[in-house]
Amino acid sequence: MTLTEFQKELNSLNRWAQHGCGNHGCIIKPPTGLGTNMTCQCYPEEFSEVLLNLAAAIEPKNKYERFKLDCPKETL
Protein backbone atom coordinates (compact mmCIF):
# COMPACT_ATOMS: atom_id res chain seq x y z
CA MET A 1 0.00 0.00 0.00
CA THR A 2 1.39 3.38 -0.97
CA LEU A 3 1.28 6.46 1.23
CA THR A 4 -1.31 8.05 -1.07
CA GLU A 5 -3.59 5.02 -0.79
CA PHE A 6 -3.15 5.04 2.99
CA GLN A 7 -4.09 8.72 3.17
CA LYS A 8 -7.19 8.12 1.03
CA GLU A 9 -8.27 5.30 3.34
CA LEU A 10 -7.76 7.50 6.43
CA ASN A 11 -9.77 10.31 4.81
CA SER A 12 -12.53 7.84 4.05
CA LEU A 13 -12.55 6.63 7.66
CA ASN A 14 -12.63 10.22 8.88
CA ARG A 15 -15.66 11.00 6.69
CA TRP A 16 -17.32 7.80 7.91
CA ALA A 17 -16.75 8.76 11.56
CA GLN A 18 -18.12 12.27 11.00
CA HIS A 19 -21.04 11.63 8.67
CA GLY A 20 -22.00 8.01 9.24
CA CYS A 21 -22.47 5.22 6.75
CA GLY A 22 -25.37 6.67 4.74
CA ASN A 23 -27.85 4.00 5.77
CA HIS A 24 -31.21 5.10 7.18
CA GLY A 25 -30.52 3.08 10.33
CA CYS A 26 -27.23 4.92 10.98
CA ILE A 27 -26.44 5.52 14.65
CA ILE A 28 -24.08 8.43 13.90
CA LYS A 29 -26.06 10.53 11.42
CA PRO A 30 -28.96 9.08 9.42
CA PRO A 31 -29.30 10.66 5.96
CA THR A 32 -32.10 13.20 5.58
CA GLY A 33 -32.68 12.40 1.92
CA LEU A 34 -31.63 9.52 -0.25
CA GLY A 35 -30.00 6.61 1.54
CA THR A 36 -30.00 2.85 1.71
CA ASN A 37 -32.36 0.75 3.82
CA MET A 38 -29.58 -1.41 5.21
CA THR A 39 -28.57 -1.67 8.85
CA CYS A 40 -25.95 0.68 10.24
CA GLN A 41 -22.30 -0.05 9.44
CA CYS A 42 -20.99 2.33 12.11
CA TYR A 43 -20.84 -0.01 15.07
CA PRO A 44 -17.45 -0.06 16.83
CA GLU A 45 -16.85 -3.62 15.66
CA GLU A 46 -17.24 -2.61 12.00
CA PHE A 47 -15.05 0.46 12.39
CA SER A 48 -12.33 -1.39 14.30
CA GLU A 49 -12.30 -4.18 11.70
CA VAL A 50 -11.62 -1.64 8.96
CA LEU A 51 -8.85 -0.05 11.06
CA LEU A 52 -7.27 -3.43 11.76
CA ASN A 53 -7.36 -4.36 8.07
CA LEU A 54 -5.76 -1.03 7.20
CA ALA A 55 -3.05 -1.55 9.82
CA ALA A 56 -2.39 -5.05 8.50
CA ALA A 57 -2.05 -3.71 4.96
CA ILE A 58 0.68 -1.27 5.93
CA GLU A 59 2.41 -3.49 8.48
CA PRO A 60 5.91 -4.48 7.35
CA LYS A 61 6.60 -8.18 7.52
CA ASN A 62 8.44 -9.51 10.56
CA LYS A 63 8.11 -6.24 12.48
CA TYR A 64 7.27 -8.00 15.72
CA GLU A 65 10.17 -10.39 15.37
CA ARG A 66 12.52 -7.40 15.15
CA PHE A 67 10.70 -5.80 18.08
CA LYS A 68 11.31 -8.84 20.25
CA LEU A 69 15.02 -8.71 19.43
CA ASP A 70 15.31 -4.96 20.15
CA CYS A 71 13.06 -4.82 23.18
CA PRO A 72 14.29 -5.50 26.73
CA LYS A 73 12.81 -8.70 28.18
CA GLU A 74 11.06 -6.84 31.02
CA THR A 75 8.64 -5.19 28.56
CA LEU A 76 7.61 -8.38 26.75
PDB file of N, CA and C in Angstrom:
ATOM      1  N   MET A   1       0.849  -1.173   0.000  1.00  0.00           N
ATOM      2  CA  MET A   1       0.000   0.000   0.000  1.00  0.00           C
ATOM      3  C   MET A   1       0.893   1.234   0.000  1.00  0.00           C
ATOM      4  N   THR A   2       0.597   2.147  -0.881  1.00  0.00           N
ATOM      5  CA  THR A   2       1.389   3.376  -0.970  1.00  0.00           C
ATOM      6  C   THR A   2       0.879   4.386   0.057  1.00  0.00           C
ATOM      7  N   LEU A   3       1.672   5.417   0.284  1.00  0.00           N
ATOM      8  CA  LEU A   3       1.282   6.461   1.227  1.00  0.00           C
ATOM      9  C   LEU A   3       0.013   7.172   0.765  1.00  0.00           C
ATOM     10  N   THR A   4      -0.116   7.395  -0.528  1.00  0.00           N
ATOM     11  CA  THR A   4      -1.311   8.051  -1.067  1.00  0.00           C
ATOM     12  C   THR A   4      -2.556   7.207  -0.819  1.00  0.00           C
ATOM     13  N   GLU A   5      -2.459   5.907  -1.047  1.00  0.00           N
ATOM     14  CA  GLU A   5      -3.592   5.015  -0.793  1.00  0.00           C
ATOM     15  C   GLU A   5      -3.951   5.011   0.690  1.00  0.00           C
ATOM     16  N   PHE A   6      -2.932   5.007   1.544  1.00  0.00           N
ATOM     17  CA  PHE A   6      -3.151   5.036   2.985  1.00  0.00           C
ATOM     18  C   PHE A   6      -3.872   6.318   3.394  1.00  0.00           C
ATOM     19  N   GLN A   7      -3.447   7.450   2.847  1.00  0.00           N
ATOM     20  CA  GLN A   7      -4.090   8.725   3.172  1.00  0.00           C
ATOM     21  C   GLN A   7      -5.537   8.755   2.695  1.00  0.00           C
ATOM     22  N   LYS A   8      -5.811   8.185   1.523  1.00  0.00           N
ATOM     23  CA  LYS A   8      -7.187   8.116   1.027  1.00  0.00           C
ATOM     24  C   LYS A   8      -8.056   7.278   1.954  1.00  0.00           C
ATOM     25  N   GLU A   9      -7.519   6.157   2.424  1.00  0.00           N
ATOM     26  CA  GLU A   9      -8.267   5.303   3.344  1.00  0.00           C
ATOM     27  C   GLU A   9      -8.548   6.027   4.663  1.00  0.00           C
ATOM     28  N   LEU A  10      -7.551   6.742   5.180  1.00  0.00           N
ATOM     29  CA  LEU A  10      -7.758   7.498   6.425  1.00  0.00           C
ATOM     30  C   LEU A  10      -8.788   8.601   6.236  1.00  0.00           C
ATOM     31  N   ASN A  11      -8.767   9.283   5.093  1.00  0.00           N
ATOM     32  CA  ASN A  11      -9.767  10.313   4.808  1.00  0.00           C
ATOM     33  C   ASN A  11     -11.165   9.705   4.733  1.00  0.00           C
ATOM     34  N   SER A  12     -11.251   8.535   4.137  1.00  0.00           N
ATOM     35  CA  SER A  12     -12.534   7.843   4.045  1.00  0.00           C
ATOM     36  C   SER A  12     -13.047   7.470   5.434  1.00  0.00           C
ATOM     37  N   LEU A  13     -12.156   6.963   6.287  1.00  0.00           N
ATOM     38  CA  LEU A  13     -12.549   6.627   7.657  1.00  0.00           C
ATOM     39  C   LEU A  13     -12.973   7.868   8.440  1.00  0.00           C
ATOM     40  N   ASN A  14     -12.288   8.972   8.207  1.00  0.00           N
ATOM     41  CA  ASN A  14     -12.631  10.223   8.875  1.00  0.00           C
ATOM     42  C   ASN A  14     -14.033  10.685   8.469  1.00  0.00           C
ATOM     43  N   ARG A  15     -14.328  10.623   7.159  1.00  0.00           N
ATOM     44  CA  ARG A  15     -15.665  10.999   6.688  1.00  0.00           C
ATOM     45  C   ARG A  15     -16.718  10.073   7.291  1.00  0.00           C
ATOM     46  N   TRP A  16     -16.402   8.783   7.351  1.00  0.00           N
ATOM     47  CA  TRP A  16     -17.323   7.798   7.913  1.00  0.00           C
ATOM     48  C   TRP A  16     -17.616   8.128   9.372  1.00  0.00           C
ATOM     49  N   ALA A  17     -16.583   8.455  10.136  1.00  0.00           N
ATOM     50  CA  ALA A  17     -16.753   8.758  11.558  1.00  0.00           C
ATOM     51  C   ALA A  17     -17.539  10.051  11.776  1.00  0.00           C
ATOM     52  N   GLN A  18     -17.426  10.996  10.848  1.00  0.00           N
ATOM     53  CA  GLN A  18     -18.121  12.275  11.001  1.00  0.00           C
ATOM     54  C   GLN A  18     -19.547  12.250  10.476  1.00  0.00           C
ATOM     55  N   HIS A  19     -19.757  11.546   9.362  1.00  0.00           N
ATOM     56  CA  HIS A  19     -21.044  11.633   8.674  1.00  0.00           C
ATOM     57  C   HIS A  19     -21.836  10.341   8.667  1.00  0.00           C
ATOM     58  N   GLY A  20     -21.283   9.281   9.201  1.00  0.00           N
ATOM     59  CA  GLY A  20     -21.997   8.012   9.240  1.00  0.00           C
ATOM     60  C   GLY A  20     -21.868   7.235   7.936  1.00  0.00           C
ATOM     61  N   CYS A  21     -22.608   6.147   7.869  1.00  0.00           N
ATOM     62  CA  CYS A  21     -22.468   5.216   6.751  1.00  0.00           C
ATOM     63  C   CYS A  21     -23.419   5.512   5.597  1.00  0.00           C
ATOM     64  N   GLY A  22     -24.417   6.348   5.809  1.00  0.00           N
ATOM     65  CA  GLY A  22     -25.366   6.670   4.741  1.00  0.00           C
ATOM     66  C   GLY A  22     -26.593   5.777   4.724  1.00  0.00           C
ATOM     67  N   ASN A  23     -26.672   4.846   5.660  1.00  0.00           N
ATOM     68  CA  ASN A  23     -27.853   3.995   5.771  1.00  0.00           C
ATOM     69  C   ASN A  23     -28.879   4.685   6.653  1.00  0.00           C
ATOM     70  N   HIS A  24     -30.167   4.441   6.385  1.00  0.00           N
ATOM     71  CA  HIS A  24     -31.214   5.095   7.177  1.00  0.00           C
ATOM     72  C   HIS A  24     -31.206   4.656   8.637  1.00  0.00           C
ATOM     73  N   GLY A  25     -30.612   3.536   8.942  1.00  0.00           N
ATOM     74  CA  GLY A  25     -30.518   3.081  10.325  1.00  0.00           C
ATOM     75  C   GLY A  25     -29.237   3.518  11.008  1.00  0.00           C
ATOM     76  N   CYS A  26     -28.526   4.497  10.462  1.00  0.00           N
ATOM     77  CA  CYS A  26     -27.227   4.920  10.978  1.00  0.00           C
ATOM     78  C   CYS A  26     -27.334   5.481  12.400  1.00  0.00           C
ATOM     79  N   ILE A  27     -26.426   5.038  13.269  1.00  0.00           N
ATOM     80  CA  ILE A  27     -26.437   5.523  14.650  1.00  0.00           C
ATOM     81  C   ILE A  27     -25.666   6.828  14.809  1.00  0.00           C
ATOM     82  N   ILE A  28     -24.851   7.190  13.815  1.00  0.00           N
ATOM     83  CA  ILE A  28     -24.085   8.432  13.899  1.00  0.00           C
ATOM     84  C   ILE A  28     -24.890   9.593  13.323  1.00  0.00           C
ATOM     85  N   LYS A  29     -25.316   9.451  12.074  1.00  0.00           N
ATOM     86  CA  LYS A  29     -26.055  10.531  11.422  1.00  0.00           C
ATOM     87  C   LYS A  29     -26.869   9.939  10.274  1.00  0.00           C
ATOM     88  N   PRO A  30     -28.139   9.616  10.502  1.00  0.00           N
ATOM     89  CA  PRO A  30     -28.961   9.083   9.423  1.00  0.00           C
ATOM     90  C   PRO A  30     -29.126  10.123   8.312  1.00  0.00           C
ATOM     91  N   PRO A  31     -29.144   9.693   7.054  1.00  0.00           N
ATOM     92  CA  PRO A  31     -29.302  10.657   5.963  1.00  0.00           C
ATOM     93  C   PRO A  31     -30.705  11.270   5.987  1.00  0.00           C
ATOM     94  N   THR A  32     -30.794  12.533   5.607  1.00  0.00           N
ATOM     95  CA  THR A  32     -32.098  13.195   5.583  1.00  0.00           C
ATOM     96  C   THR A  32     -32.811  12.952   4.257  1.00  0.00           C
ATOM     97  N   GLY A  33     -32.068  12.645   3.225  1.00  0.00           N
ATOM     98  CA  GLY A  33     -32.678  12.404   1.925  1.00  0.00           C
ATOM     99  C   GLY A  33     -32.475  10.969   1.493  1.00  0.00           C
ATOM    100  N   LEU A  34     -31.852  10.827   0.342  1.00  0.00           N
ATOM    101  CA  LEU A  34     -31.629   9.520  -0.247  1.00  0.00           C
ATOM    102  C   LEU A  34     -30.601   8.732   0.560  1.00  0.00           C
ATOM    103  N   GLY A  35     -30.908   7.489   0.812  1.00  0.00           N
ATOM    104  CA  GLY A  35     -29.999   6.610   1.542  1.00  0.00           C
ATOM    105  C   GLY A  35     -30.412   5.172   1.313  1.00  0.00           C
ATOM    106  N   THR A  36     -29.656   4.257   1.873  1.00  0.00           N
ATOM    107  CA  THR A  36     -29.997   2.851   1.712  1.00  0.00           C
ATOM    108  C   THR A  36     -30.807   2.378   2.907  1.00  0.00           C
ATOM    109  N   ASN A  37     -31.537   1.295   2.742  1.00  0.00           N
ATOM    110  CA  ASN A  37     -32.361   0.750   3.818  1.00  0.00           C
ATOM    111  C   ASN A  37     -31.652  -0.368   4.559  1.00  0.00           C
ATOM    112  N   MET A  38     -30.349  -0.376   4.525  1.00  0.00           N
ATOM    113  CA  MET A  38     -29.580  -1.409   5.212  1.00  0.00           C
ATOM    114  C   MET A  38     -29.386  -1.029   6.677  1.00  0.00           C
ATOM    115  N   THR A  39     -28.868  -1.963   7.453  1.00  0.00           N
ATOM    116  CA  THR A  39     -28.570  -1.672   8.848  1.00  0.00           C
ATOM    117  C   THR A  39     -27.293  -0.831   8.923  1.00  0.00           C
ATOM    118  N   CYS A  40     -27.096  -0.196  10.040  1.00  0.00           N
ATOM    119  CA  CYS A  40     -25.950   0.683  10.241  1.00  0.00           C
ATOM    120  C   CYS A  40     -24.632  -0.084  10.176  1.00  0.00           C
ATOM    121  N   GLN A  41     -23.642   0.523   9.538  1.00  0.00           N
ATOM    122  CA  GLN A  41     -22.304  -0.045   9.436  1.00  0.00           C
ATOM    123  C   GLN A  41     -21.328   0.654  10.384  1.00  0.00           C
ATOM    124  N   CYS A  42     -21.838   1.485  11.273  1.00  0.00           N
ATOM    125  CA  CYS A  42     -20.987   2.328  12.113  1.00  0.00           C
ATOM    126  C   CYS A  42     -20.727   1.766  13.508  1.00  0.00           C
ATOM    127  N   TYR A  43     -21.100   0.552  13.761  1.00  0.00           N
ATOM    128  CA  TYR A  43     -20.842  -0.014  15.073  1.00  0.00           C
ATOM    129  C   TYR A  43     -19.341  -0.123  15.307  1.00  0.00           C
ATOM    130  N   PRO A  44     -18.898  -0.010  16.534  1.00  0.00           N
ATOM    131  CA  PRO A  44     -17.454  -0.056  16.833  1.00  0.00           C
ATOM    132  C   PRO A  44     -16.761  -1.280  16.254  1.00  0.00           C
ATOM    133  N   GLU A  45     -17.458  -2.410  16.210  1.00  0.00           N
ATOM    134  CA  GLU A  45     -16.846  -3.618  15.657  1.00  0.00           C
ATOM    135  C   GLU A  45     -16.523  -3.449  14.176  1.00  0.00           C
ATOM    136  N   GLU A  46     -17.450  -2.830  13.430  1.00  0.00           N
ATOM    137  CA  GLU A  46     -17.236  -2.609  12.001  1.00  0.00           C
ATOM    138  C   GLU A  46     -16.074  -1.646  11.781  1.00  0.00           C
ATOM    139  N   PHE A  47     -16.080  -0.552  12.546  1.00  0.00           N
ATOM    140  CA  PHE A  47     -15.047   0.462  12.393  1.00  0.00           C
ATOM    141  C   PHE A  47     -13.678  -0.088  12.764  1.00  0.00           C
ATOM    142  N   SER A  48     -13.625  -0.844  13.871  1.00  0.00           N
ATOM    143  CA  SER A  48     -12.334  -1.387  14.297  1.00  0.00           C
ATOM    144  C   SER A  48     -11.827  -2.439  13.323  1.00  0.00           C
ATOM    145  N   GLU A  49     -12.727  -3.189  12.695  1.00  0.00           N
ATOM    146  CA  GLU A  49     -12.303  -4.179  11.704  1.00  0.00           C
ATOM    147  C   GLU A  49     -11.641  -3.497  10.509  1.00  0.00           C
ATOM    148  N   VAL A  50     -12.210  -2.384  10.074  1.00  0.00           N
ATOM    149  CA  VAL A  50     -11.618  -1.636   8.963  1.00  0.00           C
ATOM    150  C   VAL A  50     -10.247  -1.093   9.364  1.00  0.00           C
ATOM    151  N   LEU A  51     -10.140  -0.566  10.582  1.00  0.00           N
ATOM    152  CA  LEU A  51      -8.853  -0.052  11.059  1.00  0.00           C
ATOM    153  C   LEU A  51      -7.805  -1.161  11.157  1.00  0.00           C
ATOM    154  N   LEU A  52      -8.208  -2.322  11.655  1.00  0.00           N
ATOM    155  CA  LEU A  52      -7.265  -3.433  11.756  1.00  0.00           C
ATOM    156  C   LEU A  52      -6.817  -3.918  10.386  1.00  0.00           C
ATOM    157  N   ASN A  53      -7.733  -3.965   9.429  1.00  0.00           N
ATOM    158  CA  ASN A  53      -7.361  -4.362   8.075  1.00  0.00           C
ATOM    159  C   ASN A  53      -6.419  -3.348   7.447  1.00  0.00           C
ATOM    160  N   LEU A  54      -6.647  -2.071   7.712  1.00  0.00           N
ATOM    161  CA  LEU A  54      -5.756  -1.032   7.196  1.00  0.00           C
ATOM    162  C   LEU A  54      -4.380  -1.151   7.838  1.00  0.00           C
ATOM    163  N   ALA A  55      -4.333  -1.382   9.133  1.00  0.00           N
ATOM    164  CA  ALA A  55      -3.048  -1.550   9.819  1.00  0.00           C
ATOM    165  C   ALA A  55      -2.305  -2.773   9.294  1.00  0.00           C
ATOM    166  N   ALA A  56      -3.031  -3.843   9.028  1.00  0.00           N
ATOM    167  CA  ALA A  56      -2.392  -5.054   8.497  1.00  0.00           C
ATOM    168  C   ALA A  56      -1.838  -4.826   7.098  1.00  0.00           C
ATOM    169  N   ALA A  57      -2.506  -3.981   6.322  1.00  0.00           N
ATOM    170  CA  ALA A  57      -2.053  -3.713   4.958  1.00  0.00           C
ATOM    171  C   ALA A  57      -0.752  -2.918   4.925  1.00  0.00           C
ATOM    172  N   ILE A  58      -0.538  -2.085   5.941  1.00  0.00           N
ATOM    173  CA  ILE A  58       0.683  -1.267   5.931  1.00  0.00           C
ATOM    174  C   ILE A  58       1.773  -1.829   6.834  1.00  0.00           C
ATOM    175  N   GLU A  59       1.456  -2.891   7.554  1.00  0.00           N
ATOM    176  CA  GLU A  59       2.410  -3.486   8.483  1.00  0.00           C
ATOM    177  C   GLU A  59       3.553  -4.164   7.729  1.00  0.00           C
ATOM    178  N   PRO A  60       4.792  -3.777   7.992  1.00  0.00           N
ATOM    179  CA  PRO A  60       5.908  -4.479   7.352  1.00  0.00           C
ATOM    180  C   PRO A  60       6.029  -5.894   7.908  1.00  0.00           C
ATOM    181  N   LYS A  61       6.465  -6.791   7.082  1.00  0.00           N
ATOM    182  CA  LYS A  61       6.602  -8.182   7.521  1.00  0.00           C
ATOM    183  C   LYS A  61       7.700  -8.288   8.573  1.00  0.00           C
ATOM    184  N   ASN A  62       7.480  -9.186   9.502  1.00  0.00           N
ATOM    185  CA  ASN A  62       8.441  -9.513  10.561  1.00  0.00           C
ATOM    186  C   ASN A  62       8.735  -8.347  11.506  1.00  0.00           C
ATOM    187  N   LYS A  63       7.866  -7.380  11.590  1.00  0.00           N
ATOM    188  CA  LYS A  63       8.114  -6.240  12.477  1.00  0.00           C
ATOM    189  C   LYS A  63       8.194  -6.704  13.933  1.00  0.00           C
ATOM    190  N   TYR A  64       7.291  -7.586  14.321  1.00  0.00           N
ATOM    191  CA  TYR A  64       7.266  -7.999  15.716  1.00  0.00           C
ATOM    192  C   TYR A  64       8.455  -8.875  16.068  1.00  0.00           C
ATOM    193  N   GLU A  65       8.964  -9.605  15.101  1.00  0.00           N
ATOM    194  CA  GLU A  65      10.168 -10.385  15.366  1.00  0.00           C
ATOM    195  C   GLU A  65      11.346  -9.457  15.650  1.00  0.00           C
ATOM    196  N   ARG A  66      11.456  -8.374  14.887  1.00  0.00           N
ATOM    197  CA  ARG A  66      12.520  -7.398  15.151  1.00  0.00           C
ATOM    198  C   ARG A  66      12.287  -6.716  16.489  1.00  0.00           C
ATOM    199  N   PHE A  67      11.016  -6.442  16.824  1.00  0.00           N
ATOM    200  CA  PHE A  67      10.699  -5.795  18.083  1.00  0.00           C
ATOM    201  C   PHE A  67      11.154  -6.653  19.258  1.00  0.00           C
ATOM    202  N   LYS A  68      10.911  -7.955  19.164  1.00  0.00           N
ATOM    203  CA  LYS A  68      11.310  -8.843  20.247  1.00  0.00           C
ATOM    204  C   LYS A  68      12.825  -8.852  20.428  1.00  0.00           C
ATOM    205  N   LEU A  69      13.564  -8.723  19.334  1.00  0.00           N
ATOM    206  CA  LEU A  69      15.020  -8.708  19.432  1.00  0.00           C
ATOM    207  C   LEU A  69      15.533  -7.401  20.032  1.00  0.00           C
ATOM    208  N   ASP A  70      14.872  -6.284  19.701  1.00  0.00           N
ATOM    209  CA  ASP A  70      15.315  -4.960  20.152  1.00  0.00           C
ATOM    210  C   ASP A  70      14.805  -4.587  21.531  1.00  0.00           C
ATOM    211  N   CYS A  71      13.733  -5.212  21.961  1.00  0.00           N
ATOM    212  CA  CYS A  71      13.055  -4.823  23.178  1.00  0.00           C
ATOM    213  C   CYS A  71      13.646  -5.544  24.389  1.00  0.00           C
ATOM    214  N   PRO A  72      13.825  -4.825  25.508  1.00  0.00           N
ATOM    215  CA  PRO A  72      14.286  -5.499  26.732  1.00  0.00           C
ATOM    216  C   PRO A  72      13.262  -6.535  27.182  1.00  0.00           C
ATOM    217  N   LYS A  73      13.699  -7.602  27.791  1.00  0.00           N
ATOM    218  CA  LYS A  73      12.813  -8.697  28.176  1.00  0.00           C
ATOM    219  C   LYS A  73      11.770  -8.277  29.201  1.00  0.00           C
ATOM    220  N   GLU A  74      12.018  -7.258  29.998  1.00  0.00           N
ATOM    221  CA  GLU A  74      11.060  -6.835  31.016  1.00  0.00           C
ATOM    222  C   GLU A  74       9.765  -6.334  30.384  1.00  0.00           C
ATOM    223  N   THR A  75       9.827  -5.763  29.180  1.00  0.00           N
ATOM    224  CA  THR A  75       8.635  -5.188  28.564  1.00  0.00           C
ATOM    225  C   THR A  75       7.842  -6.185  27.757  1.00  0.00           C
ATOM    226  N   LEU A  76       8.351  -7.390  27.539  1.00  0.00           N
ATOM    227  CA  LEU A  76       7.613  -8.384  26.749  1.00  0.00           C
ATOM    228  C   LEU A  76       6.579  -9.080  27.539  1.00  0.00           C
TER     229      LEU A  76
END
